[in-house]
Amino acid sequence: MKAPHEGAPIIIDQPSSYLAVSELVVRALDGKMFSEDSVNWQQYVANLPQSARCPRTPTPSSSSIRASLMSS
């Protein structure tokens, strides 16, 4: 890359997934960011695909697993 990243790290704090990572790769593969004198990092990470947040499925505690195994 001709242009080093300047400033603070860019943090992507929106729900994301492998789709967002693959989109970043696709954007890099066009080659422009490697030949331009400067990179607009905000534009590079803008409008990435988002995934819906899934509610966490509660996992059984180890004591409830032991209790169910002992009762069988």
PDB file of N, CA and C in Angstrom:
ATOM      1  N   MET A   1       0.841  -1.171   0.000  1.00  0.00           N
ATOM      2  CA  MET A   1       0.000   0.000   0.000  1.00  0.00           C
ATOM      3  C   MET A   1       0.885   1.232   0.000  1.00  0.00           C
ATOM      4  N   LYS A   2       0.514   2.174  -0.796  1.00  0.00           N
ATOM      5  CA  LYS A   2       1.236   3.440  -0.815  1.00  0.00           C
ATOM      6  C   LYS A   2       0.911   4.270   0.411  1.00  0.00           C
ATOM      7  N   ALA A   3      -0.349   4.271   0.797  1.00  0.00           N
ATOM      8  CA  ALA A   3      -0.806   5.151   1.879  1.00  0.00           C
ATOM      9  C   ALA A   3      -0.917   4.376   3.184  1.00  0.00           C
ATOM     10  N   PRO A   4      -0.145   4.758   4.190  1.00  0.00           N
ATOM     11  CA  PRO A   4      -0.311   4.107   5.488  1.00  0.00           C
ATOM     12  C   PRO A   4      -1.584   4.596   6.162  1.00  0.00           C
ATOM     13  N   HIS A   5      -2.105   3.776   7.045  1.00  0.00           N
ATOM     14  CA  HIS A   5      -3.295   4.189   7.798  1.00  0.00           C
ATOM     15  C   HIS A   5      -2.889   5.253   8.800  1.00  0.00           C
ATOM     16  N   GLU A   6      -3.599   6.342   8.797  1.00  0.00           N
ATOM     17  CA  GLU A   6      -3.313   7.433   9.722  1.00  0.00           C
ATOM     18  C   GLU A   6      -4.465   7.578  10.697  1.00  0.00           C
ATOM     19  N   GLY A   7      -4.148   7.942  11.914  1.00  0.00           N
ATOM     20  CA  GLY A   7      -5.186   8.189  12.902  1.00  0.00           C
ATOM     21  C   GLY A   7      -5.507   6.969  13.728  1.00  0.00           C
ATOM     22  N   ALA A   8      -6.609   7.093  14.441  1.00  0.00           N
ATOM     23  CA  ALA A   8      -7.046   6.030  15.346  1.00  0.00           C
ATOM     24  C   ALA A   8      -7.585   4.839  14.554  1.00  0.00           C
ATOM     25  N   PRO A   9      -7.562   3.658  15.158  1.00  0.00           N
ATOM     26  CA  PRO A   9      -8.142   2.490  14.495  1.00  0.00           C
ATOM     27  C   PRO A   9      -9.629   2.709  14.223  1.00  0.00           C
ATOM     28  N   ILE A  10     -10.115   2.104  13.159  1.00  0.00           N
ATOM     29  CA  ILE A  10     -11.538   2.174  12.825  1.00  0.00           C
ATOM     30  C   ILE A  10     -12.213   0.979  13.484  1.00  0.00           C
ATOM     31  N   ILE A  11     -13.234   1.255  14.259  1.00  0.00           N
ATOM     32  CA  ILE A  11     -13.953   0.200  14.969  1.00  0.00           C
ATOM     33  C   ILE A  11     -15.319   0.025  14.325  1.00  0.00           C
ATOM     34  N   ILE A  12     -15.614  -1.186  13.924  1.00  0.00           N
ATOM     35  CA  ILE A  12     -16.922  -1.511  13.353  1.00  0.00           C
ATOM     36  C   ILE A  12     -17.748  -2.072  14.495  1.00  0.00           C
ATOM     37  N   ASP A  13     -18.718  -1.284  14.954  1.00  0.00           N
ATOM     38  CA  ASP A  13     -19.492  -1.691  16.129  1.00  0.00           C
ATOM     39  C   ASP A  13     -20.932  -2.067  15.796  1.00  0.00           C
ATOM     40  N   GLN A  14     -21.211  -2.281  14.534  1.00  0.00           N
ATOM     41  CA  GLN A  14     -22.535  -2.724  14.113  1.00  0.00           C
ATOM     42  C   GLN A  14     -22.536  -4.250  14.045  1.00  0.00           C
ATOM     43  N   PRO A  15     -23.718  -4.873  14.152  1.00  0.00           N
ATOM     44  CA  PRO A  15     -23.761  -6.331  14.005  1.00  0.00           C
ATOM     45  C   PRO A  15     -23.175  -6.723  12.651  1.00  0.00           C
ATOM     46  N   SER A  16     -22.228  -7.612  12.651  1.00  0.00           N
ATOM     47  CA  SER A  16     -21.604  -8.025  11.401  1.00  0.00           C
ATOM     48  C   SER A  16     -21.369  -9.527  11.429  1.00  0.00           C
ATOM     49  N   SER A  17     -20.923 -10.035  10.303  1.00  0.00           N
ATOM     50  CA  SER A  17     -20.731 -11.474  10.193  1.00  0.00           C
ATOM     51  C   SER A  17     -19.682 -11.733   9.131  1.00  0.00           C
ATOM     52  N   TYR A  18     -19.586 -12.973   8.712  1.00  0.00           N
ATOM     53  CA  TYR A  18     -18.662 -13.311   7.643  1.00  0.00           C
ATOM     54  C   TYR A  18     -19.030 -12.592   6.351  1.00  0.00           C
ATOM     55  N   LEU A  19     -20.291 -12.219   6.183  1.00  0.00           N
ATOM     56  CA  LEU A  19     -20.679 -11.444   5.001  1.00  0.00           C
ATOM     57  C   LEU A  19     -19.955 -10.105   4.975  1.00  0.00           C
ATOM     58  N   ALA A  20     -19.816  -9.465   6.122  1.00  0.00           N
ATOM     59  CA  ALA A  20     -19.103  -8.188   6.196  1.00  0.00           C
ATOM     60  C   ALA A  20     -17.624  -8.389   5.893  1.00  0.00           C
ATOM     61  N   VAL A  21     -17.046  -9.450   6.417  1.00  0.00           N
ATOM     62  CA  VAL A  21     -15.634  -9.735   6.151  1.00  0.00           C
ATOM     63  C   VAL A  21     -15.425 -10.000   4.665  1.00  0.00           C
ATOM     64  N   SER A  22     -16.312 -10.776   4.050  1.00  0.00           N
ATOM     65  CA  SER A  22     -16.170 -11.060   2.624  1.00  0.00           C
ATOM     66  C   SER A  22     -16.347  -9.799   1.791  1.00  0.00           C
ATOM     67  N   GLU A  23     -17.211  -8.898   2.220  1.00  0.00           N
ATOM     68  CA  GLU A  23     -17.386  -7.630   1.511  1.00  0.00           C
ATOM     69  C   GLU A  23     -16.109  -6.793   1.586  1.00  0.00           C
ATOM     70  N   LEU A  24     -15.447  -6.776   2.740  1.00  0.00           N
ATOM     71  CA  LEU A  24     -14.174  -6.057   2.864  1.00  0.00           C
ATOM     72  C   LEU A  24     -13.128  -6.643   1.915  1.00  0.00           C
ATOM     73  N   VAL A  25     -13.098  -7.961   1.803  1.00  0.00           N
ATOM     74  CA  VAL A  25     -12.152  -8.609   0.890  1.00  0.00           C
ATOM     75  C   VAL A  25     -12.458  -8.223  -0.548  1.00  0.00           C
ATOM     76  N   VAL A  26     -13.727  -8.250  -0.933  1.00  0.00           N
ATOM     77  CA  VAL A  26     -14.120  -7.881  -2.294  1.00  0.00           C
ATOM     78  C   VAL A  26     -13.713  -6.445  -2.598  1.00  0.00           C
ATOM     79  N   ARG A  27     -13.925  -5.554  -1.640  1.00  0.00           N
ATOM     80  CA  ARG A  27     -13.556  -4.154  -1.846  1.00  0.00           C
ATOM     81  C   ARG A  27     -12.048  -4.000  -2.006  1.00  0.00           C
ATOM     82  N   ALA A  28     -11.288  -4.810  -1.319  1.00  0.00           N
ATOM     83  CA  ALA A  28      -9.828  -4.739  -1.438  1.00  0.00           C
ATOM     84  C   ALA A  28      -9.347  -5.343  -2.756  1.00  0.00           C
ATOM     85  N   LEU A  29     -10.065  -6.328  -3.269  1.00  0.00           N
ATOM     86  CA  LEU A  29      -9.637  -7.018  -4.480  1.00  0.00           C
ATOM     87  C   LEU A  29      -9.725  -6.168  -5.737  1.00  0.00           C
ATOM     88  N   ASP A  30     -10.454  -5.065  -5.688  1.00  0.00           N
ATOM     89  CA  ASP A  30     -10.485  -4.220  -6.882  1.00  0.00           C
ATOM     90  C   ASP A  30      -9.124  -3.567  -7.126  1.00  0.00           C
ATOM     91  N   GLY A  31      -8.237  -3.614  -6.118  1.00  0.00           N
ATOM     92  CA  GLY A  31      -6.871  -3.154  -6.272  1.00  0.00           C
ATOM     93  C   GLY A  31      -6.638  -1.676  -6.089  1.00  0.00           C
ATOM     94  N   LYS A  32      -7.687  -0.882  -6.060  1.00  0.00           N
ATOM     95  CA  LYS A  32      -7.520   0.570  -5.979  1.00  0.00           C
ATOM     96  C   LYS A  32      -6.809   0.992  -4.696  1.00  0.00           C
ATOM     97  N   MET A  33      -7.124   0.343  -3.597  1.00  0.00           N
ATOM     98  CA  MET A  33      -6.541   0.771  -2.324  1.00  0.00           C
ATOM     99  C   MET A  33      -5.034   0.541  -2.268  1.00  0.00           C
ATOM    100  N   PHE A  34      -4.513  -0.298  -3.141  1.00  0.00           N
ATOM    101  CA  PHE A  34      -3.081  -0.576  -3.142  1.00  0.00           C
ATOM    102  C   PHE A  34      -2.298   0.370  -4.040  1.00  0.00           C
ATOM    103  N   SER A  35      -2.990   1.068  -4.928  1.00  0.00           N
ATOM    104  CA  SER A  35      -2.288   1.955  -5.851  1.00  0.00           C
ATOM    105  C   SER A  35      -2.568   3.435  -5.614  1.00  0.00           C
ATOM    106  N   GLU A  36      -3.602   3.757  -4.852  1.00  0.00           N
ATOM    107  CA  GLU A  36      -3.931   5.160  -4.603  1.00  0.00           C
ATOM    108  C   GLU A  36      -3.001   5.756  -3.557  1.00  0.00           C
ATOM    109  N   ASP A  37      -2.834   7.073  -3.632  1.00  0.00           N
ATOM    110  CA  ASP A  37      -1.973   7.773  -2.677  1.00  0.00           C
ATOM    111  C   ASP A  37      -2.592   7.846  -1.290  1.00  0.00           C
ATOM    112  N   SER A  38      -3.912   7.814  -1.218  1.00  0.00           N
ATOM    113  CA  SER A  38      -4.590   7.821   0.076  1.00  0.00           C
ATOM    114  C   SER A  38      -5.816   6.923  -0.007  1.00  0.00           C
ATOM    115  N   VAL A  39      -6.187   6.392   1.131  1.00  0.00           N
ATOM    116  CA  VAL A  39      -7.350   5.502   1.207  1.00  0.00           C
ATOM    117  C   VAL A  39      -8.379   6.149   2.110  1.00  0.00           C
ATOM    118  N   ASN A  40      -9.606   6.230   1.629  1.00  0.00           N
ATOM    119  CA  ASN A  40     -10.703   6.740   2.444  1.00  0.00           C
ATOM    120  C   ASN A  40     -11.257   5.557   3.241  1.00  0.00           C
ATOM    121  N   TRP A  41     -10.717   5.366   4.439  1.00  0.00           N
ATOM    122  CA  TRP A  41     -11.082   4.207   5.246  1.00  0.00           C
ATOM    123  C   TRP A  41     -12.540   4.235   5.668  1.00  0.00           C
ATOM    124  N   GLN A  42     -13.084   5.406   5.919  1.00  0.00           N
ATOM    125  CA  GLN A  42     -14.501   5.488   6.299  1.00  0.00           C
ATOM    126  C   GLN A  42     -15.384   4.997   5.159  1.00  0.00           C
ATOM    127  N   GLN A  43     -15.018   5.329   3.932  1.00  0.00           N
ATOM    128  CA  GLN A  43     -15.785   4.860   2.779  1.00  0.00           C
ATOM    129  C   GLN A  43     -15.585   3.349   2.598  1.00  0.00           C
ATOM    130  N   TYR A  44     -14.384   2.881   2.862  1.00  0.00           N
ATOM    131  CA  TYR A  44     -14.063   1.461   2.713  1.00  0.00           C
ATOM    132  C   TYR A  44     -14.916   0.584   3.631  1.00  0.00           C
ATOM    133  N   VAL A  45     -15.199   1.067   4.843  1.00  0.00           N
ATOM    134  CA  VAL A  45     -15.970   0.260   5.798  1.00  0.00           C
ATOM    135  C   VAL A  45     -17.442   0.668   5.880  1.00  0.00           C
ATOM    136  N   ALA A  46     -17.874   1.596   5.034  1.00  0.00           N
ATOM    137  CA  ALA A  46     -19.266   2.066   5.071  1.00  0.00           C
ATOM    138  C   ALA A  46     -20.203   1.036   4.435  1.00  0.00           C
ATOM    139  N   ASN A  47     -21.404   0.977   4.946  1.00  0.00           N
ATOM    140  CA  ASN A  47     -22.489   0.157   4.382  1.00  0.00           C
ATOM    141  C   ASN A  47     -22.129  -1.322   4.247  1.00  0.00           C
ATOM    142  N   LEU A  48     -21.495  -1.864   5.254  1.00  0.00           N
ATOM    143  CA  LEU A  48     -21.208  -3.297   5.238  1.00  0.00           C
ATOM    144  C   LEU A  48     -22.486  -4.070   5.538  1.00  0.00           C
ATOM    145  N   PRO A  49     -22.607  -5.290   5.006  1.00  0.00           N
ATOM    146  CA  PRO A  49     -23.788  -6.093   5.328  1.00  0.00           C
ATOM    147  C   PRO A  49     -23.872  -6.324   6.832  1.00  0.00           C
ATOM    148  N   GLN A  50     -25.077  -6.284   7.345  1.00  0.00           N
ATOM    149  CA  GLN A  50     -25.287  -6.518   8.774  1.00  0.00           C
ATOM    150  C   GLN A  50     -26.096  -7.786   8.959  1.00  0.00           C
ATOM    151  N   SER A  51     -25.825  -8.465  10.038  1.00  0.00           N
ATOM    152  CA  SER A  51     -26.617  -9.640  10.371  1.00  0.00           C
ATOM    153  C   SER A  51     -27.481  -9.305  11.575  1.00  0.00           C
ATOM    154  N   ALA A  52     -28.600  -9.962  11.647  1.00  0.00           N
ATOM    155  CA  ALA A  52     -29.505  -9.724  12.772  1.00  0.00           C
ATOM    156  C   ALA A  52     -28.899 -10.305  14.032  1.00  0.00           C
ATOM    157  N   ARG A  53     -29.122  -9.631  15.119  1.00  0.00           N
ATOM    158  CA  ARG A  53     -28.662 -10.168  16.398  1.00  0.00           C
ATOM    159  C   ARG A  53     -29.631 -11.255  16.836  1.00  0.00           C
ATOM    160  N   CYS A  54     -29.092 -12.397  17.129  1.00  0.00           N
ATOM    161  CA  CYS A  54     -29.913 -13.508  17.600  1.00  0.00           C
ATOM    162  C   CYS A  54     -29.898 -13.526  19.119  1.00  0.00           C
ATOM    163  N   PRO A  55     -31.050 -13.760  19.727  1.00  0.00           N
ATOM    164  CA  PRO A  55     -31.038 -13.880  21.188  1.00  0.00           C
ATOM    165  C   PRO A  55     -30.231 -15.112  21.567  1.00  0.00           C
ATOM    166  N   ARG A  56     -29.490 -14.985  22.623  1.00  0.00           N
ATOM    167  CA  ARG A  56     -28.683 -16.119  23.071  1.00  0.00           C
ATOM    168  C   ARG A  56     -29.586 -17.220  23.599  1.00  0.00           C
ATOM    169  N   THR A  57     -29.327 -18.417  23.165  1.00  0.00           N
ATOM    170  CA  THR A  57     -30.047 -19.570  23.681  1.00  0.00           C
ATOM    171  C   THR A  57     -29.401 -19.951  25.002  1.00  0.00           C
ATOM    172  N   PRO A  58     -30.183 -19.981  26.065  1.00  0.00           N
ATOM    173  CA  PRO A  58     -29.568 -20.332  27.343  1.00  0.00           C
ATOM    174  C   PRO A  58     -29.017 -21.749  27.300  1.00  0.00           C
ATOM    175  N   THR A  59     -27.835 -21.904  27.833  1.00  0.00           N
ATOM    176  CA  THR A  59     -27.238 -23.233  27.890  1.00  0.00           C
ATOM    177  C   THR A  59     -27.456 -23.799  29.281  1.00  0.00           C
ATOM    178  N   PRO A  60     -27.681 -25.083  29.365  1.00  0.00           N
ATOM    179  CA  PRO A  60     -27.907 -25.670  30.685  1.00  0.00           C
ATOM    180  C   PRO A  60     -26.635 -25.582  31.516  1.00  0.00           C
ATOM    181  N   SER A  61     -26.798 -25.394  32.789  1.00  0.00           N
ATOM    182  CA  SER A  61     -25.639 -25.335  33.679  1.00  0.00           C
ATOM    183  C   SER A  61     -25.073 -26.735  33.858  1.00  0.00           C
ATOM    184  N   SER A  62     -23.826 -26.805  34.263  1.00  0.00           N
ATOM    185  CA  SER A  62     -23.200 -28.120  34.444  1.00  0.00           C
ATOM    186  C   SER A  62     -23.901 -28.926  35.530  1.00  0.00           C
ATOM    187  N   SER A  63     -24.445 -28.249  36.554  1.00  0.00           N
ATOM    188  CA  SER A  63     -25.139 -28.988  37.617  1.00  0.00           C
ATOM    189  C   SER A  63     -26.432 -29.603  37.089  1.00  0.00           C
ATOM    190  N   SER A  64     -27.149 -28.910  36.192  1.00  0.00           N
ATOM    191  CA  SER A  64     -28.380 -29.489  35.647  1.00  0.00           C
ATOM    192  C   SER A  64     -28.059 -30.635  34.700  1.00  0.00           C
ATOM    193  N   ILE A  65     -26.919 -30.565  34.020  1.00  0.00           N
ATOM    194  CA  ILE A  65     -26.521 -31.674  33.152  1.00  0.00           C
ATOM    195  C   ILE A  65     -26.179 -32.888  34.007  1.00  0.00           C
ATOM    196  N   ARG A  66     -25.415 -32.669  35.082  1.00  0.00           N
ATOM    197  CA  ARG A  66     -25.068 -33.771  35.976  1.00  0.00           C
ATOM    198  C   ARG A  66     -26.321 -34.396  36.583  1.00  0.00           C
ATOM    199  N   ALA A  67     -27.266 -33.567  36.993  1.00  0.00           N
ATOM    200  CA  ALA A  67     -28.493 -34.074  37.607  1.00  0.00           C
ATOM    201  C   ALA A  67     -29.276 -34.924  36.615  1.00  0.00           C
ATOM    202  N   SER A  68     -29.340 -34.489  35.356  1.00  0.00           N
ATOM    203  CA  SER A  68     -30.099 -35.261  34.372  1.00  0.00           C
ATOM    204  C   SER A  68     -29.379 -36.561  34.034  1.00  0.00           C
ATOM    205  N   LEU A  69     -28.053 -36.563  34.052  1.00  0.00           N
ATOM    206  CA  LEU A  69     -27.312 -37.794  33.786  1.00  0.00           C
ATOM    207  C   LEU A  69     -27.450 -38.780  34.940  1.00  0.00           C
ATOM    208  N   MET A  70     -27.458 -38.270  36.153  1.00  0.00           N
ATOM    209  CA  MET A  70     -27.555 -39.144  37.324  1.00  0.00           C
ATOM    210  C   MET A  70     -28.943 -39.754  37.449  1.00  0.00           C
ATOM    211  N   SER A  71     -29.955 -39.058  36.958  1.00  0.00           N
ATOM    212  CA  SER A  71     -31.316 -39.574  37.090  1.00  0.00           C
ATOM    213  C   SER A  71     -31.636 -40.610  36.023  1.00  0.00           C
ATOM    214  N   SER A  72     -30.813 -40.727  35.007  1.00  0.00           N
ATOM    215  CA  SER A  72     -31.123 -41.699  33.956  1.00  0.00           C
ATOM    216  C   SER A  72     -30.473 -43.032  34.182  1.00  0.00           C
TER     217      SER A  72
END
